[in-house]
Structure formats: C-alpha cells, structure tokens
Amino acid sequence: MSPAFIKGVGEHLLNARLTFDKFHVVAHASKALDTVRRQQQKADSELKGMGWTLLKDVNKLNLAQLTDLEALVRQYATKRTARA
C-alpha cells in the first residue's frame, strides 16, 4: 500500500491489477480509529479504556463490552469516534 509499491506496479507491470490484502486494509483502518479515539479521549474521559472494545470484532464482544459500545454509538453519534 506504499506509494512506491503502487508506482512500481504502474510503471513495470502495466497489465497487472493492483490489489491490497485484507490484513493491511484492516490495520490501517484500526490505526485511524485508534488515533481519532485517542484525540477525542483527551476531551472526554468516558472514552478511556474503550480501545479494545472499538477495535474488536463486534461478534466477539462480551455483554459488558457490547453494552458499552452501543451506549457510545448512541451518545456520541455526532462525534468523530462513533463515526470512525
């Protein structure tokens, strides 16, 4: 996903289809979400400790984590962390 890789494929593999693997796409999205959460946490202490809850697969959350996540989304629907 680096610009150098993309440029190299474009210049040397003209008929190749550029694809990105799921691992790296999810890793970038998770990092972006965590960055937004950390920034917003400075102004809102209720987000402290929510990092793993936000990044974890919703199907693997326990009842307490799921409740926290649902409350966050309801309460912060207009805030950047919930949107992210």
PDB file of N, CA and C in Angstrom:
ATOM      1  N   MET A   1       0.808  -1.189   0.000  1.00  0.00           N
ATOM      2  CA  MET A   1       0.000   0.000   0.000  1.00  0.00           C
ATOM      3  C   MET A   1       0.858   1.263   0.000  1.00  0.00           C
ATOM      4  N   SER A   2       2.135   1.076  -0.071  1.00  0.00           N
ATOM      5  CA  SER A   2       3.010   2.244  -0.090  1.00  0.00           C
ATOM      6  C   SER A   2       2.978   2.908  -1.464  1.00  0.00           C
ATOM      7  N   PRO A   3       3.172   4.210  -1.501  1.00  0.00           N
ATOM      8  CA  PRO A   3       3.204   4.903  -2.793  1.00  0.00           C
ATOM      9  C   PRO A   3       4.283   4.353  -3.725  1.00  0.00           C
ATOM     10  N   ALA A   4       5.417   3.939  -3.169  1.00  0.00           N
ATOM     11  CA  ALA A   4       6.488   3.391  -4.007  1.00  0.00           C
ATOM     12  C   ALA A   4       6.044   2.082  -4.669  1.00  0.00           C
ATOM     13  N   PHE A   5       5.346   1.231  -3.920  1.00  0.00           N
ATOM     14  CA  PHE A   5       4.849  -0.031  -4.473  1.00  0.00           C
ATOM     15  C   PHE A   5       3.837   0.246  -5.582  1.00  0.00           C
ATOM     16  N   ILE A   6       2.925   1.142  -5.327  1.00  0.00           N
ATOM     17  CA  ILE A   6       1.888   1.479  -6.313  1.00  0.00           C
ATOM     18  C   ILE A   6       2.533   2.034  -7.582  1.00  0.00           C
ATOM     19  N   LYS A   7       3.497   2.918  -7.415  1.00  0.00           N
ATOM     20  CA  LYS A   7       4.186   3.495  -8.566  1.00  0.00           C
ATOM     21  C   LYS A   7       4.949   2.420  -9.341  1.00  0.00           C
ATOM     22  N   GLY A   8       5.627   1.535  -8.617  1.00  0.00           N
ATOM     23  CA  GLY A   8       6.392   0.469  -9.265  1.00  0.00           C
ATOM     24  C   GLY A   8       5.506  -0.459 -10.074  1.00  0.00           C
ATOM     25  N   VAL A   9       4.372  -0.809  -9.538  1.00  0.00           N
ATOM     26  CA  VAL A   9       3.434  -1.669 -10.270  1.00  0.00           C
ATOM     27  C   VAL A   9       2.946  -0.945 -11.521  1.00  0.00           C
ATOM     28  N   GLY A  10       2.606   0.325 -11.359  1.00  0.00           N
ATOM     29  CA  GLY A  10       2.110   1.100 -12.504  1.00  0.00           C
ATOM     30  C   GLY A  10       3.133   1.247 -13.610  1.00  0.00           C
ATOM     31  N   GLU A  11       4.410   1.373 -13.239  1.00  0.00           N
ATOM     32  CA  GLU A  11       5.458   1.578 -14.238  1.00  0.00           C
ATOM     33  C   GLU A  11       5.951   0.285 -14.882  1.00  0.00           C
ATOM     34  N   HIS A  12       6.015  -0.790 -14.124  1.00  0.00           N
ATOM     35  CA  HIS A  12       6.665  -2.015 -14.610  1.00  0.00           C
ATOM     36  C   HIS A  12       5.720  -3.176 -14.892  1.00  0.00           C
ATOM     37  N   LEU A  13       4.528  -3.127 -14.374  1.00  0.00           N
ATOM     38  CA  LEU A  13       3.568  -4.213 -14.592  1.00  0.00           C
ATOM     39  C   LEU A  13       2.282  -3.620 -15.152  1.00  0.00           C
ATOM     40  N   LEU A  14       2.347  -3.211 -16.379  1.00  0.00           N
ATOM     41  CA  LEU A  14       1.265  -2.436 -16.987  1.00  0.00           C
ATOM     42  C   LEU A  14      -0.073  -3.164 -17.034  1.00  0.00           C
ATOM     43  N   ASN A  15      -0.057  -4.472 -17.139  1.00  0.00           N
ATOM     44  CA  ASN A  15      -1.305  -5.230 -17.234  1.00  0.00           C
ATOM     45  C   ASN A  15      -1.742  -5.828 -15.903  1.00  0.00           C
ATOM     46  N   ALA A  16      -1.030  -5.500 -14.835  1.00  0.00           N
ATOM     47  CA  ALA A  16      -1.351  -6.066 -13.524  1.00  0.00           C
ATOM     48  C   ALA A  16      -2.495  -5.293 -12.870  1.00  0.00           C
ATOM     49  N   ARG A  17      -3.268  -6.010 -12.115  1.00  0.00           N
ATOM     50  CA  ARG A  17      -4.324  -5.390 -11.317  1.00  0.00           C
ATOM     51  C   ARG A  17      -3.773  -5.200  -9.911  1.00  0.00           C
ATOM     52  N   LEU A  18      -3.821  -3.990  -9.438  1.00  0.00           N
ATOM     53  CA  LEU A  18      -3.302  -3.666  -8.114  1.00  0.00           C
ATOM     54  C   LEU A  18      -4.347  -4.025  -7.058  1.00  0.00           C
ATOM     55  N   THR A  19      -3.980  -4.854  -6.111  1.00  0.00           N
ATOM     56  CA  THR A  19      -4.886  -5.227  -5.023  1.00  0.00           C
ATOM     57  C   THR A  19      -4.170  -5.058  -3.689  1.00  0.00           C
ATOM     58  N   PHE A  20      -4.943  -4.923  -2.640  1.00  0.00           N
ATOM     59  CA  PHE A  20      -4.399  -4.794  -1.295  1.00  0.00           C
ATOM     60  C   PHE A  20      -4.974  -5.908  -0.440  1.00  0.00           C
ATOM     61  N   ASP A  21      -4.151  -6.471   0.430  1.00  0.00           N
ATOM     62  CA  ASP A  21      -4.625  -7.577   1.246  1.00  0.00           C
ATOM     63  C   ASP A  21      -5.452  -7.060   2.423  1.00  0.00           C
ATOM     64  N   LYS A  22      -6.372  -7.894   2.871  1.00  0.00           N
ATOM     65  CA  LYS A  22      -7.305  -7.539   3.934  1.00  0.00           C
ATOM     66  C   LYS A  22      -6.564  -7.143   5.214  1.00  0.00           C
ATOM     67  N   PHE A  23      -5.504  -7.837   5.550  1.00  0.00           N
ATOM     68  CA  PHE A  23      -4.768  -7.547   6.780  1.00  0.00           C
ATOM     69  C   PHE A  23      -4.325  -6.090   6.830  1.00  0.00           C
ATOM     70  N   HIS A  24      -3.708  -5.612   5.756  1.00  0.00           N
ATOM     71  CA  HIS A  24      -3.190  -4.249   5.765  1.00  0.00           C
ATOM     72  C   HIS A  24      -4.302  -3.198   5.714  1.00  0.00           C
ATOM     73  N   VAL A  25      -5.373  -3.489   5.014  1.00  0.00           N
ATOM     74  CA  VAL A  25      -6.503  -2.558   4.963  1.00  0.00           C
ATOM     75  C   VAL A  25      -7.112  -2.414   6.359  1.00  0.00           C
ATOM     76  N   VAL A  26      -7.337  -3.543   7.036  1.00  0.00           N
ATOM     77  CA  VAL A  26      -7.901  -3.512   8.387  1.00  0.00           C
ATOM     78  C   VAL A  26      -6.920  -2.848   9.356  1.00  0.00           C
ATOM     79  N   ALA A  27      -5.633  -3.109   9.202  1.00  0.00           N
ATOM     80  CA  ALA A  27      -4.633  -2.492  10.073  1.00  0.00           C
ATOM     81  C   ALA A  27      -4.645  -0.969   9.949  1.00  0.00           C
ATOM     82  N   HIS A  28      -4.753  -0.464   8.731  1.00  0.00           N
ATOM     83  CA  HIS A  28      -4.808   0.987   8.528  1.00  0.00           C
ATOM     84  C   HIS A  28      -6.088   1.576   9.122  1.00  0.00           C
ATOM     85  N   ALA A  29      -7.209   0.905   8.930  1.00  0.00           N
ATOM     86  CA  ALA A  29      -8.478   1.396   9.478  1.00  0.00           C
ATOM     87  C   ALA A  29      -8.447   1.385  11.007  1.00  0.00           C
ATOM     88  N   SER A  30      -7.889   0.340  11.592  1.00  0.00           N
ATOM     89  CA  SER A  30      -7.790   0.251  13.050  1.00  0.00           C
ATOM     90  C   SER A  30      -6.894   1.341  13.611  1.00  0.00           C
ATOM     91  N   LYS A  31      -5.801   1.599  12.945  1.00  0.00           N
ATOM     92  CA  LYS A  31      -4.888   2.653  13.395  1.00  0.00           C
ATOM     93  C   LYS A  31      -5.575   4.022  13.322  1.00  0.00           C
ATOM     94  N   ALA A  32      -6.313   4.263  12.251  1.00  0.00           N
ATOM     95  CA  ALA A  32      -7.021   5.533  12.107  1.00  0.00           C
ATOM     96  C   ALA A  32      -8.075   5.699  13.198  1.00  0.00           C
ATOM     97  N   LEU A  33      -8.827   4.645  13.483  1.00  0.00           N
ATOM     98  CA  LEU A  33      -9.838   4.683  14.529  1.00  0.00           C
ATOM     99  C   LEU A  33      -9.196   4.958  15.885  1.00  0.00           C
ATOM    100  N   ASP A  34      -8.096   4.297  16.172  1.00  0.00           N
ATOM    101  CA  ASP A  34      -7.435   4.493  17.451  1.00  0.00           C
ATOM    102  C   ASP A  34      -6.876   5.908  17.579  1.00  0.00           C
ATOM    103  N   THR A  35      -6.385   6.469  16.496  1.00  0.00           N
ATOM    104  CA  THR A  35      -5.884   7.846  16.511  1.00  0.00           C
ATOM    105  C   THR A  35      -7.011   8.824  16.839  1.00  0.00           C
ATOM    106  N   VAL A  36      -8.157   8.646  16.208  1.00  0.00           N
ATOM    107  CA  VAL A  36      -9.313   9.504  16.473  1.00  0.00           C
ATOM    108  C   VAL A  36      -9.752   9.349  17.926  1.00  0.00           C
ATOM    109  N   ARG A  37      -9.830   8.101  18.417  1.00  0.00           N
ATOM    110  CA  ARG A  37     -10.254   7.855  19.796  1.00  0.00           C
ATOM    111  C   ARG A  37      -9.296   8.515  20.783  1.00  0.00           C
ATOM    112  N   ARG A  38      -8.002   8.388  20.557  1.00  0.00           N
ATOM    113  CA  ARG A  38      -7.014   8.991  21.461  1.00  0.00           C
ATOM    114  C   ARG A  38      -7.144  10.517  21.490  1.00  0.00           C
ATOM    115  N   GLN A  39      -7.357  11.116  20.338  1.00  0.00           N
ATOM    116  CA  GLN A  39      -7.514  12.567  20.280  1.00  0.00           C
ATOM    117  C   GLN A  39      -8.754  13.005  21.045  1.00  0.00           C
ATOM    118  N   GLN A  40      -9.851  12.314  20.833  1.00  0.00           N
ATOM    119  CA  GLN A  40     -11.105  12.698  21.461  1.00  0.00           C
ATOM    120  C   GLN A  40     -11.104  12.351  22.952  1.00  0.00           C
ATOM    121  N   GLN A  41     -10.355  11.327  23.342  1.00  0.00           N
ATOM    122  CA  GLN A  41     -10.291  10.907  24.740  1.00  0.00           C
ATOM    123  C   GLN A  41      -9.727  12.013  25.631  1.00  0.00           C
ATOM    124  N   LYS A  42      -8.864  12.849  25.085  1.00  0.00           N
ATOM    125  CA  LYS A  42      -8.286  13.944  25.855  1.00  0.00           C
ATOM    126  C   LYS A  42      -9.365  14.905  26.351  1.00  0.00           C
ATOM    127  N   ALA A  43     -10.431  15.066  25.579  1.00  0.00           N
ATOM    128  CA  ALA A  43     -11.521  15.955  25.959  1.00  0.00           C
ATOM    129  C   ALA A  43     -12.662  15.215  26.654  1.00  0.00           C
ATOM    130  N   ASP A  44     -12.740  13.894  26.479  1.00  0.00           N
ATOM    131  CA  ASP A  44     -13.851  13.116  27.028  1.00  0.00           C
ATOM    132  C   ASP A  44     -13.314  11.844  27.667  1.00  0.00           C
ATOM    133  N   SER A  45     -13.229  11.832  28.979  1.00  0.00           N
ATOM    134  CA  SER A  45     -12.626  10.700  29.692  1.00  0.00           C
ATOM    135  C   SER A  45     -13.450   9.417  29.599  1.00  0.00           C
ATOM    136  N   GLU A  46     -14.709   9.490  29.169  1.00  0.00           N
ATOM    137  CA  GLU A  46     -15.524   8.276  29.039  1.00  0.00           C
ATOM    138  C   GLU A  46     -14.986   7.336  27.963  1.00  0.00           C
ATOM    139  N   LEU A  47     -14.167   7.850  27.071  1.00  0.00           N
ATOM    140  CA  LEU A  47     -13.596   7.006  26.017  1.00  0.00           C
ATOM    141  C   LEU A  47     -12.384   6.226  26.503  1.00  0.00           C
ATOM    142  N   LYS A  48     -11.884   6.557  27.682  1.00  0.00           N
ATOM    143  CA  LYS A  48     -10.707   5.870  28.210  1.00  0.00           C
ATOM    144  C   LYS A  48     -11.049   4.391  28.424  1.00  0.00           C
ATOM    145  N   GLY A  49     -10.193   3.532  27.970  1.00  0.00           N
ATOM    146  CA  GLY A  49     -10.401   2.097  28.119  1.00  0.00           C
ATOM    147  C   GLY A  49     -11.295   1.476  27.055  1.00  0.00           C
ATOM    148  N   MET A  50     -11.726   2.242  26.073  1.00  0.00           N
ATOM    149  CA  MET A  50     -12.613   1.716  25.026  1.00  0.00           C
ATOM    150  C   MET A  50     -11.850   1.215  23.799  1.00  0.00           C
ATOM    151  N   GLY A  51     -10.533   1.334  23.818  1.00  0.00           N
ATOM    152  CA  GLY A  51      -9.742   0.978  22.643  1.00  0.00           C
ATOM    153  C   GLY A  51     -10.007  -0.409  22.107  1.00  0.00           C
ATOM    154  N   TRP A  52      -9.910  -1.428  22.968  1.00  0.00           N
ATOM    155  CA  TRP A  52     -10.099  -2.803  22.506  1.00  0.00           C
ATOM    156  C   TRP A  52     -11.556  -3.062  22.131  1.00  0.00           C
ATOM    157  N   THR A  53     -12.468  -2.429  22.827  1.00  0.00           N
ATOM    158  CA  THR A  53     -13.886  -2.611  22.500  1.00  0.00           C
ATOM    159  C   THR A  53     -14.186  -2.095  21.103  1.00  0.00           C
ATOM    160  N   LEU A  54     -13.576  -0.972  20.741  1.00  0.00           N
ATOM    161  CA  LEU A  54     -13.806  -0.400  19.420  1.00  0.00           C
ATOM    162  C   LEU A  54     -13.150  -1.208  18.309  1.00  0.00           C
ATOM    163  N   LEU A  55     -12.012  -1.801  18.610  1.00  0.00           N
ATOM    164  CA  LEU A  55     -11.256  -2.500  17.570  1.00  0.00           C
ATOM    165  C   LEU A  55     -11.639  -3.973  17.421  1.00  0.00           C
ATOM    166  N   LYS A  56     -12.247  -4.536  18.435  1.00  0.00           N
ATOM    167  CA  LYS A  56     -12.576  -5.958  18.434  1.00  0.00           C
ATOM    168  C   LYS A  56     -13.779  -6.243  17.530  1.00  0.00           C
ATOM    169  N   ASP A  57     -13.814  -7.436  16.970  1.00  0.00           N
ATOM    170  CA  ASP A  57     -14.954  -7.873  16.164  1.00  0.00           C
ATOM    171  C   ASP A  57     -16.206  -7.835  17.033  1.00  0.00           C
ATOM    172  N   VAL A  58     -17.239  -7.167  16.571  1.00  0.00           N
ATOM    173  CA  VAL A  58     -18.457  -6.999  17.364  1.00  0.00           C
ATOM    174  C   VAL A  58     -19.058  -8.341  17.779  1.00  0.00           C
ATOM    175  N   ASN A  59     -18.866  -9.378  16.986  1.00  0.00           N
ATOM    176  CA  ASN A  59     -19.392 -10.707  17.313  1.00  0.00           C
ATOM    177  C   ASN A  59     -18.623 -11.378  18.440  1.00  0.00           C
ATOM    178  N   LYS A  60     -17.464 -10.830  18.792  1.00  0.00           N
ATOM    179  CA  LYS A  60     -16.646 -11.424  19.851  1.00  0.00           C
ATOM    180  C   LYS A  60     -16.656 -10.603  21.141  1.00  0.00           C
ATOM    181  N   LEU A  61     -17.489  -9.575  21.191  1.00  0.00           N
ATOM    182  CA  LEU A  61     -17.586  -8.755  22.397  1.00  0.00           C
ATOM    183  C   LEU A  61     -18.423  -9.467  23.452  1.00  0.00           C
ATOM    184  N   ASN A  62     -18.019  -9.317  24.720  1.00  0.00           N
ATOM    185  CA  ASN A  62     -18.865  -9.844  25.783  1.00  0.00           C
ATOM    186  C   ASN A  62     -20.009  -8.858  26.008  1.00  0.00           C
ATOM    187  N   LEU A  63     -20.945  -9.215  26.867  1.00  0.00           N
ATOM    188  CA  LEU A  63     -22.139  -8.398  27.057  1.00  0.00           C
ATOM    189  C   LEU A  63     -21.792  -6.993  27.542  1.00  0.00           C
ATOM    190  N   ALA A  64     -20.862  -6.868  28.472  1.00  0.00           N
ATOM    191  CA  ALA A  64     -20.482  -5.551  29.003  1.00  0.00           C
ATOM    192  C   ALA A  64     -19.862  -4.683  27.904  1.00  0.00           C
ATOM    193  N   GLN A  65     -18.986  -5.272  27.088  1.00  0.00           N
ATOM    194  CA  GLN A  65     -18.349  -4.525  26.004  1.00  0.00           C
ATOM    195  C   GLN A  65     -19.381  -4.107  24.963  1.00  0.00           C
ATOM    196  N   LEU A  66     -20.292  -4.993  24.638  1.00  0.00           N
ATOM    197  CA  LEU A  66     -21.329  -4.684  23.658  1.00  0.00           C
ATOM    198  C   LEU A  66     -22.225  -3.559  24.165  1.00  0.00           C
ATOM    199  N   THR A  67     -22.575  -3.611  25.435  1.00  0.00           N
ATOM    200  CA  THR A  67     -23.390  -2.554  26.035  1.00  0.00           C
ATOM    201  C   THR A  67     -22.661  -1.216  25.986  1.00  0.00           C
ATOM    202  N   ASP A  68     -21.371  -1.225  26.328  1.00  0.00           N
ATOM    203  CA  ASP A  68     -20.566  -0.003  26.275  1.00  0.00           C
ATOM    204  C   ASP A  68     -20.495   0.556  24.860  1.00  0.00           C
ATOM    205  N   LEU A  69     -20.294  -0.325  23.888  1.00  0.00           N
ATOM    206  CA  LEU A  69     -20.195   0.109  22.501  1.00  0.00           C
ATOM    207  C   LEU A  69     -21.512   0.718  22.019  1.00  0.00           C
ATOM    208  N   GLU A  70     -22.624   0.060  22.329  1.00  0.00           N
ATOM    209  CA  GLU A  70     -23.929   0.576  21.915  1.00  0.00           C
ATOM    210  C   GLU A  70     -24.211   1.927  22.565  1.00  0.00           C
ATOM    211  N   ALA A  71     -23.851   2.080  23.838  1.00  0.00           N
ATOM    212  CA  ALA A  71     -24.044   3.358  24.527  1.00  0.00           C
ATOM    213  C   ALA A  71     -23.182   4.443  23.903  1.00  0.00           C
ATOM    214  N   LEU A  72     -21.959   4.083  23.543  1.00  0.00           N
ATOM    215  CA  LEU A  72     -21.060   5.051  22.907  1.00  0.00           C
ATOM    216  C   LEU A  72     -21.642   5.543  21.596  1.00  0.00           C
ATOM    217  N   VAL A  73     -22.113   4.625  20.785  1.00  0.00           N
ATOM    218  CA  VAL A  73     -22.650   4.998  19.477  1.00  0.00           C
ATOM    219  C   VAL A  73     -23.909   5.847  19.637  1.00  0.00           C
ATOM    220  N   ARG A  74     -24.779   5.489  20.586  1.00  0.00           N
ATOM    221  CA  ARG A  74     -25.989   6.292  20.822  1.00  0.00           C
ATOM    222  C   ARG A  74     -25.643   7.681  21.348  1.00  0.00           C
ATOM    223  N   GLN A  75     -24.727   7.743  22.301  1.00  0.00           N
ATOM    224  CA  GLN A  75     -24.396   9.005  22.957  1.00  0.00           C
ATOM    225  C   GLN A  75     -23.546   9.908  22.076  1.00  0.00           C
ATOM    226  N   TYR A  76     -22.698   9.309  21.273  1.00  0.00           N
ATOM    227  CA  TYR A  76     -21.733  10.094  20.515  1.00  0.00           C
ATOM    228  C   TYR A  76     -21.935   9.994  19.015  1.00  0.00           C
ATOM    229  N   ALA A  77     -23.155   9.845  18.589  1.00  0.00           N
ATOM    230  CA  ALA A  77     -23.416   9.638  17.168  1.00  0.00           C
ATOM    231  C   ALA A  77     -22.881  10.767  16.303  1.00  0.00           C
ATOM    232  N   THR A  78     -22.742  11.958  16.869  1.00  0.00           N
ATOM    233  CA  THR A  78     -22.235  13.073  16.090  1.00  0.00           C
ATOM    234  C   THR A  78     -20.745  13.295  16.322  1.00  0.00           C
ATOM    235  N   LYS A  79     -20.129  12.509  17.179  1.00  0.00           N
ATOM    236  CA  LYS A  79     -18.714  12.708  17.464  1.00  0.00           C
ATOM    237  C   LYS A  79     -17.859  11.844  16.551  1.00  0.00           C
ATOM    238  N   ARG A  80     -16.626  12.238  16.402  1.00  0.00           N
ATOM    239  CA  ARG A  80     -15.730  11.595  15.447  1.00  0.00           C
ATOM    240  C   ARG A  80     -15.463  10.124  15.782  1.00  0.00           C
ATOM    241  N   THR A  81     -15.318   9.772  17.054  1.00  0.00           N
ATOM    242  CA  THR A  81     -15.016   8.379  17.406  1.00  0.00           C
ATOM    243  C   THR A  81     -16.135   7.452  16.985  1.00  0.00           C
ATOM    244  N   ALA A  82     -17.372   7.817  17.252  1.00  0.00           N
ATOM    245  CA  ALA A  82     -18.507   6.962  16.861  1.00  0.00           C
ATOM    246  C   ALA A  82     -18.606   6.863  15.354  1.00  0.00           C
ATOM    247  N   ARG A  83     -18.386   7.973  14.658  1.00  0.00           N
ATOM    248  CA  ARG A  83     -18.433   7.929  13.187  1.00  0.00           C
ATOM    249  C   ARG A  83     -17.307   7.064  12.638  1.00  0.00           C
ATOM    250  N   ALA A  84     -16.129   7.177  13.257  1.00  0.00           N
ATOM    251  CA  ALA A  84     -14.976   6.383  12.789  1.00  0.00           C
ATOM    252  C   ALA A  84     -15.263   4.919  13.001  1.00  0.00           C
TER     253      ALA A  84
END
